Each structure stands twice: as C-alpha cells, then as structure tokens.
Amino acid sequence: MIKRFLINWVTKHLFCAVNLEDVLTIVQDTKGQTRRLLLGKEQISQNEWRVLSEEAKFLESSRMYRIMFATLEKQAQLRMFEQSKCDSDILFGKATLYTLDLQKKLLEGLKAYRPD
C-alpha cells in the first residue's frame, strides 16, 4: 500500500503524468462496498456503470483489442531494447507501456461493477 502511494506520488508530482486516480475513482463505504464511480470528476450512475462494465468485458475479450495491445507492447519493447539510440527512445517506450498499463487498469476498474 505504501509502495503504491509512493509510486503514484512520484509519478504525479515529479513527472506530471496521468495516474489511474485522475481517470477512475471507485468510492467505497466504510464496509468496503462500492458506492460510487467517478470518471475524471464526473459521477457515473449505477446503470451507466453497469453498461460500461459490460462494454469493458466485451472490449477486453475482443480479438482486435488483444492484437492492438500486444502489437503496441511488442513495438514499445522492441524500441526500448533493440532499436534505441538514445535515452528518449527508452523513455517513449516506457511511456507507451505505462499508457497500456493505465488502459488495462481502467478496464479492470470498470469491470469491477457489482450491483448494490
């Protein structure tokens, strides 16, 4: 938990990067049950969250998504490890992998819908 906090703090304050918390916030009550979903600063209704959850599940299971994700991941790694000529090449590869990870976490958060 502390490790995640430190990573998020460093990423947000030193690198000015977009974090998952900037995009998706799941608000829970004291018993740990999910009560609200915020996309950015906008609260999403339970019904819209349910729809987004189904869409996220479909997207993640689609062949097109798997091909896009795997292709971008492979290209980022190729540029970082085999084709890099300077530090910027490695940085852009890492940024691509970070963006892919953020998208994956966003889908996971949207899929986490549980009706009350």
C-alpha atoms as a PDB file:
ATOM      1  CA  MET A   1       0.000   0.000   0.000  1.00  0.00           C
ATOM      2  CA  ILE A   2       2.801   2.413   0.865  1.00  0.00           C
ATOM      3  CA  LYS A   3       4.687   1.355  -2.257  1.00  0.00           C
ATOM      4  CA  ARG A   4       1.666   2.156  -4.444  1.00  0.00           C
ATOM      5  CA  PHE A   5       1.208   5.515  -2.700  1.00  0.00           C
ATOM      6  CA  LEU A   6       4.865   6.427  -3.273  1.00  0.00           C
ATOM      7  CA  ILE A   7       4.784   5.373  -6.924  1.00  0.00           C
ATOM      8  CA  ASN A   8       1.619   7.402  -7.502  1.00  0.00           C
ATOM      9  CA  TRP A   9       3.001  10.415  -5.665  1.00  0.00           C
ATOM     10  CA  VAL A  10       6.319  10.379  -7.522  1.00  0.00           C
ATOM     11  CA  THR A  11       4.613   9.859 -10.870  1.00  0.00           C
ATOM     12  CA  LYS A  12       2.070  12.603 -10.278  1.00  0.00           C
ATOM     13  CA  HIS A  13       4.277  15.232  -8.649  1.00  0.00           C
ATOM     14  CA  LEU A  14       7.647  14.733 -10.284  1.00  0.00           C
ATOM     15  CA  PHE A  15       6.711  13.594 -13.785  1.00  0.00           C
ATOM     16  CA  CYS A  16       3.286  15.263 -14.117  1.00  0.00           C
ATOM     17  CA  ALA A  17       1.887  12.046 -15.581  1.00  0.00           C
ATOM     18  CA  VAL A  18      -1.719  10.896 -15.674  1.00  0.00           C
ATOM     19  CA  ASN A  19      -2.495   8.383 -12.919  1.00  0.00           C
ATOM     20  CA  LEU A  20      -5.391   5.963 -12.649  1.00  0.00           C
ATOM     21  CA  GLU A  21      -6.857   8.128  -9.875  1.00  0.00           C
ATOM     22  CA  ASP A  22      -7.051  11.041 -12.338  1.00  0.00           C
ATOM     23  CA  VAL A  23      -9.235   8.948 -14.619  1.00  0.00           C
ATOM     24  CA  LEU A  24     -11.142   6.492 -12.427  1.00  0.00           C
ATOM     25  CA  THR A  25     -12.103   6.608  -8.762  1.00  0.00           C
ATOM     26  CA  ILE A  26     -14.213   3.962  -7.080  1.00  0.00           C
ATOM     27  CA  VAL A  27     -15.630   5.323  -3.830  1.00  0.00           C
ATOM     28  CA  GLN A  28     -16.366   2.727  -1.160  1.00  0.00           C
ATOM     29  CA  ASP A  29     -18.228   2.964   2.126  1.00  0.00           C
ATOM     30  CA  THR A  30     -16.735   2.010   5.499  1.00  0.00           C
ATOM     31  CA  LYS A  31     -17.658  -1.664   4.946  1.00  0.00           C
ATOM     32  CA  GLY A  32     -15.689  -1.749   1.710  1.00  0.00           C
ATOM     33  CA  GLN A  33     -18.744  -1.892  -0.523  1.00  0.00           C
ATOM     34  CA  THR A  34     -18.621   0.127  -3.718  1.00  0.00           C
ATOM     35  CA  ARG A  35     -20.980   3.072  -3.724  1.00  0.00           C
ATOM     36  CA  ARG A  36     -19.926   5.466  -6.494  1.00  0.00           C
ATOM     37  CA  LEU A  37     -17.804   5.624  -9.615  1.00  0.00           C
ATOM     38  CA  LEU A  38     -16.120   8.800 -10.792  1.00  0.00           C
ATOM     39  CA  LEU A  39     -14.711   9.091 -14.303  1.00  0.00           C
ATOM     40  CA  GLY A  40     -12.481  12.105 -14.023  1.00  0.00           C
ATOM     41  CA  LYS A  41     -14.576  14.320 -11.764  1.00  0.00           C
ATOM     42  CA  GLU A  42     -17.932  13.183 -13.155  1.00  0.00           C
ATOM     43  CA  GLN A  43     -20.057  10.765 -11.138  1.00  0.00           C
ATOM     44  CA  ILE A  44     -21.432   7.881 -13.180  1.00  0.00           C
ATOM     45  CA  SER A  45     -24.837   6.381 -12.389  1.00  0.00           C
ATOM     46  CA  GLN A  46     -25.070   2.718 -11.369  1.00  0.00           C
ATOM     47  CA  ASN A  47     -26.863   1.942 -14.636  1.00  0.00           C
ATOM     48  CA  GLU A  48     -24.207   3.641 -16.776  1.00  0.00           C
ATOM     49  CA  TRP A  49     -21.503   1.872 -14.763  1.00  0.00           C
ATOM     50  CA  ARG A  50     -23.202  -1.452 -15.476  1.00  0.00           C
ATOM     51  CA  VAL A  51     -23.247  -0.660 -19.210  1.00  0.00           C
ATOM     52  CA  LEU A  52     -19.594   0.442 -19.163  1.00  0.00           C
ATOM     53  CA  SER A  53     -18.708  -2.725 -17.263  1.00  0.00           C
ATOM     54  CA  GLU A  54     -20.264  -4.905 -19.963  1.00  0.00           C
ATOM     55  CA  GLU A  55     -18.541  -2.895 -22.691  1.00  0.00           C
ATOM     56  CA  ALA A  56     -15.184  -3.230 -20.910  1.00  0.00           C
ATOM     57  CA  LYS A  57     -15.645  -7.011 -20.672  1.00  0.00           C
ATOM     58  CA  PHE A  58     -16.516  -7.193 -24.371  1.00  0.00           C
ATOM     59  CA  LEU A  59     -13.615  -4.970 -25.402  1.00  0.00           C
ATOM     60  CA  GLU A  60     -11.099  -6.949 -23.381  1.00  0.00           C
ATOM     61  CA  SER A  61     -12.324 -10.226 -24.862  1.00  0.00           C
ATOM     62  CA  SER A  62     -12.226  -8.961 -28.458  1.00  0.00           C
ATOM     63  CA  ARG A  63      -9.530 -10.139 -30.815  1.00  0.00           C
ATOM     64  CA  MET A  64      -8.994  -6.603 -32.093  1.00  0.00           C
ATOM     65  CA  TYR A  65      -8.165  -5.334 -28.586  1.00  0.00           C
ATOM     66  CA  ARG A  66      -5.745  -8.202 -27.918  1.00  0.00           C
ATOM     67  CA  ILE A  67      -3.988  -7.578 -31.256  1.00  0.00           C
ATOM     68  CA  MET A  68      -3.722  -3.813 -30.648  1.00  0.00           C
ATOM     69  CA  PHE A  69      -2.488  -4.282 -27.083  1.00  0.00           C
ATOM     70  CA  ALA A  70       0.058  -6.977 -27.971  1.00  0.00           C
ATOM     71  CA  THR A  71       1.315  -5.067 -31.029  1.00  0.00           C
ATOM     72  CA  LEU A  72       1.858  -1.830 -29.122  1.00  0.00           C
ATOM     73  CA  GLU A  73       3.513  -3.679 -26.254  1.00  0.00           C
ATOM     74  CA  LYS A  74       5.843  -5.542 -28.617  1.00  0.00           C
ATOM     75  CA  GLN A  75       6.746  -2.381 -30.536  1.00  0.00           C
ATOM     76  CA  ALA A  76       7.484  -0.472 -27.325  1.00  0.00           C
ATOM     77  CA  GLN A  77       9.760  -3.241 -26.086  1.00  0.00           C
ATOM     78  CA  LEU A  78      11.462  -3.506 -29.481  1.00  0.00           C
ATOM     79  CA  ARG A  79      12.208   0.206 -29.496  1.00  0.00           C
ATOM     80  CA  MET A  80      13.431   0.200 -25.907  1.00  0.00           C
ATOM     81  CA  PHE A  81      15.694  -2.845 -26.071  1.00  0.00           C
ATOM     82  CA  GLU A  82      16.799  -3.315 -29.676  1.00  0.00           C
ATOM     83  CA  GLN A  83      16.320  -0.089 -31.615  1.00  0.00           C
ATOM     84  CA  SER A  84      17.008   2.594 -29.024  1.00  0.00           C
ATOM     85  CA  LYS A  85      19.677   5.078 -29.976  1.00  0.00           C
ATOM     86  CA  CYS A  86      19.248   7.475 -27.073  1.00  0.00           C
ATOM     87  CA  ASP A  87      17.539   7.876 -23.713  1.00  0.00           C
ATOM     88  CA  SER A  88      14.471   9.425 -25.350  1.00  0.00           C
ATOM     89  CA  ASP A  89      13.783   6.206 -27.264  1.00  0.00           C
ATOM     90  CA  ILE A  90      13.715   4.275 -23.999  1.00  0.00           C
ATOM     91  CA  LEU A  91      11.571   6.961 -22.367  1.00  0.00           C
ATOM     92  CA  PHE A  92       8.969   6.836 -25.146  1.00  0.00           C
ATOM     93  CA  GLY A  93       8.873   3.038 -24.967  1.00  0.00           C
ATOM     94  CA  LYS A  94       8.288   3.213 -21.217  1.00  0.00           C
ATOM     95  CA  ALA A  95       5.598   5.867 -21.695  1.00  0.00           C
ATOM     96  CA  THR A  96       3.839   3.589 -24.179  1.00  0.00           C
ATOM     97  CA  LEU A  97       3.960   0.686 -21.736  1.00  0.00           C
ATOM     98  CA  TYR A  98       2.724   2.970 -18.942  1.00  0.00           C
ATOM     99  CA  THR A  99      -0.228   4.083 -21.095  1.00  0.00           C
ATOM    100  CA  LEU A 100      -1.100   0.473 -21.922  1.00  0.00           C
ATOM    101  CA  ASP A 101      -0.962  -0.406 -18.228  1.00  0.00           C
ATOM    102  CA  LEU A 102      -3.199   2.555 -17.387  1.00  0.00           C
ATOM    103  CA  GLN A 103      -5.730   1.451 -20.010  1.00  0.00           C
ATOM    104  CA  LYS A 104      -5.680  -2.091 -18.654  1.00  0.00           C
ATOM    105  CA  LYS A 105      -6.273  -0.848 -15.092  1.00  0.00           C
ATOM    106  CA  LEU A 106      -9.109   1.375 -16.308  1.00  0.00           C
ATOM    107  CA  LEU A 107     -10.807  -1.626 -17.913  1.00  0.00           C
ATOM    108  CA  GLU A 108     -10.308  -3.641 -14.721  1.00  0.00           C
ATOM    109  CA  GLY A 109     -11.867  -0.865 -12.669  1.00  0.00           C
ATOM    110  CA  LEU A 110     -14.844  -0.592 -14.983  1.00  0.00           C
ATOM    111  CA  LYS A 111     -15.328  -4.366 -14.943  1.00  0.00           C
ATOM    112  CA  ALA A 112     -15.439  -4.284 -11.131  1.00  0.00           C
ATOM    113  CA  TYR A 113     -19.091  -3.209 -11.159  1.00  0.00           C
ATOM    114  CA  ARG A 114     -21.126  -5.025  -8.529  1.00  0.00           C
ATOM    115  CA  PRO A 115     -24.784  -4.036  -8.148  1.00  0.00           C
ATOM    116  CA  ASP A 116     -25.899  -2.998  -4.677  1.00  0.00           C
END
